[in-house]
């Protein structure tokens, strides 16, 4: 994850760092990035599949 978040020199507060990490996880890691443990699907896409199955 360190390579994916573009760090400037440092964050001024812990809250800024937490916010940047949260945005990365929610907008890329869980939404776009495929995971091998769940059949190379993005977690958010798989979650939608199970919450709204095709009838």
C-alpha atoms as a PDB file:
ATOM      1  CA  UNK A   1       0.000   0.000   0.000  1.00  0.00           C
ATOM      2  CA  UNK A   2       2.924   2.352   0.600  1.00  0.00           C
ATOM      3  CA  UNK A   3       3.733   2.284  -3.099  1.00  0.00           C
ATOM      4  CA  UNK A   4       0.142   3.084  -4.121  1.00  0.00           C
ATOM      5  CA  UNK A   5      -0.515   6.120  -1.937  1.00  0.00           C
ATOM      6  CA  UNK A   6       1.434   9.082  -3.146  1.00  0.00           C
ATOM      7  CA  UNK A   7       3.087  10.429  -0.044  1.00  0.00           C
ATOM      8  CA  UNK A   8       4.320  13.973  -0.068  1.00  0.00           C
ATOM      9  CA  UNK A   9       6.996  14.383   2.563  1.00  0.00           C
ATOM     10  CA  UNK A  10       4.707  13.544   5.465  1.00  0.00           C
ATOM     11  CA  UNK A  11       1.243  14.138   6.803  1.00  0.00           C
ATOM     12  CA  UNK A  12       0.824  16.991   9.227  1.00  0.00           C
ATOM     13  CA  UNK A  13      -1.634  15.131  11.418  1.00  0.00           C
ATOM     14  CA  UNK A  14      -2.636  11.565  12.126  1.00  0.00           C
ATOM     15  CA  UNK A  15      -6.143  12.436  10.896  1.00  0.00           C
ATOM     16  CA  UNK A  16      -4.763  13.429   7.455  1.00  0.00           C
ATOM     17  CA  UNK A  17      -2.921  10.111   7.183  1.00  0.00           C
ATOM     18  CA  UNK A  18      -5.980   8.123   8.253  1.00  0.00           C
ATOM     19  CA  UNK A  19      -8.145   9.995   5.769  1.00  0.00           C
ATOM     20  CA  UNK A  20      -5.736   9.327   2.877  1.00  0.00           C
ATOM     21  CA  UNK A  21      -5.541   5.619   3.726  1.00  0.00           C
ATOM     22  CA  UNK A  22      -9.325   5.347   4.047  1.00  0.00           C
ATOM     23  CA  UNK A  23      -9.849   7.025   0.644  1.00  0.00           C
ATOM     24  CA  UNK A  24      -7.324   4.643  -0.954  1.00  0.00           C
ATOM     25  CA  UNK A  25      -9.011   1.565   0.499  1.00  0.00           C
ATOM     26  CA  UNK A  26     -12.539   2.659  -0.402  1.00  0.00           C
ATOM     27  CA  UNK A  27     -11.847   4.039  -3.886  1.00  0.00           C
ATOM     28  CA  UNK A  28      -9.260   1.573  -5.179  1.00  0.00           C
ATOM     29  CA  UNK A  29      -8.421  -1.386  -2.959  1.00  0.00           C
ATOM     30  CA  UNK A  30     -11.996  -2.590  -2.381  1.00  0.00           C
ATOM     31  CA  UNK A  31     -13.602  -1.131  -5.495  1.00  0.00           C
ATOM     32  CA  UNK A  32     -11.193  -1.887  -8.333  1.00  0.00           C
ATOM     33  CA  UNK A  33      -8.303  -4.130  -7.297  1.00  0.00           C
ATOM     34  CA  UNK A  34      -8.975  -7.851  -7.890  1.00  0.00           C
ATOM     35  CA  UNK A  35      -8.228 -10.257  -5.033  1.00  0.00           C
ATOM     36  CA  UNK A  36      -7.054 -13.823  -5.663  1.00  0.00           C
ATOM     37  CA  UNK A  37      -8.862 -15.291  -2.633  1.00  0.00           C
ATOM     38  CA  UNK A  38     -12.287 -14.424  -4.040  1.00  0.00           C
ATOM     39  CA  UNK A  39     -11.827 -15.505  -7.638  1.00  0.00           C
ATOM     40  CA  UNK A  40     -10.012 -12.427  -8.918  1.00  0.00           C
ATOM     41  CA  UNK A  41     -12.968 -10.143  -8.258  1.00  0.00           C
ATOM     42  CA  UNK A  42     -13.063  -6.790  -6.496  1.00  0.00           C
ATOM     43  CA  UNK A  43     -14.565  -7.082  -2.990  1.00  0.00           C
ATOM     44  CA  UNK A  44     -17.205  -4.399  -3.586  1.00  0.00           C
ATOM     45  CA  UNK A  45     -18.379  -6.092  -6.774  1.00  0.00           C
ATOM     46  CA  UNK A  46     -18.639  -9.446  -5.042  1.00  0.00           C
ATOM     47  CA  UNK A  47     -20.552  -7.875  -2.159  1.00  0.00           C
ATOM     48  CA  UNK A  48     -23.130  -6.472  -4.608  1.00  0.00           C
ATOM     49  CA  UNK A  49     -23.426  -9.888  -6.267  1.00  0.00           C
ATOM     50  CA  UNK A  50     -24.339 -11.564  -2.973  1.00  0.00           C
ATOM     51  CA  UNK A  51     -26.600  -8.774  -1.707  1.00  0.00           C
ATOM     52  CA  UNK A  52     -28.620  -8.591  -4.933  1.00  0.00           C
ATOM     53  CA  UNK A  53     -28.653 -12.075  -6.512  1.00  0.00           C
ATOM     54  CA  UNK A  54     -30.230 -12.595  -9.912  1.00  0.00           C
ATOM     55  CA  UNK A  55     -33.713 -14.086  -9.467  1.00  0.00           C
END
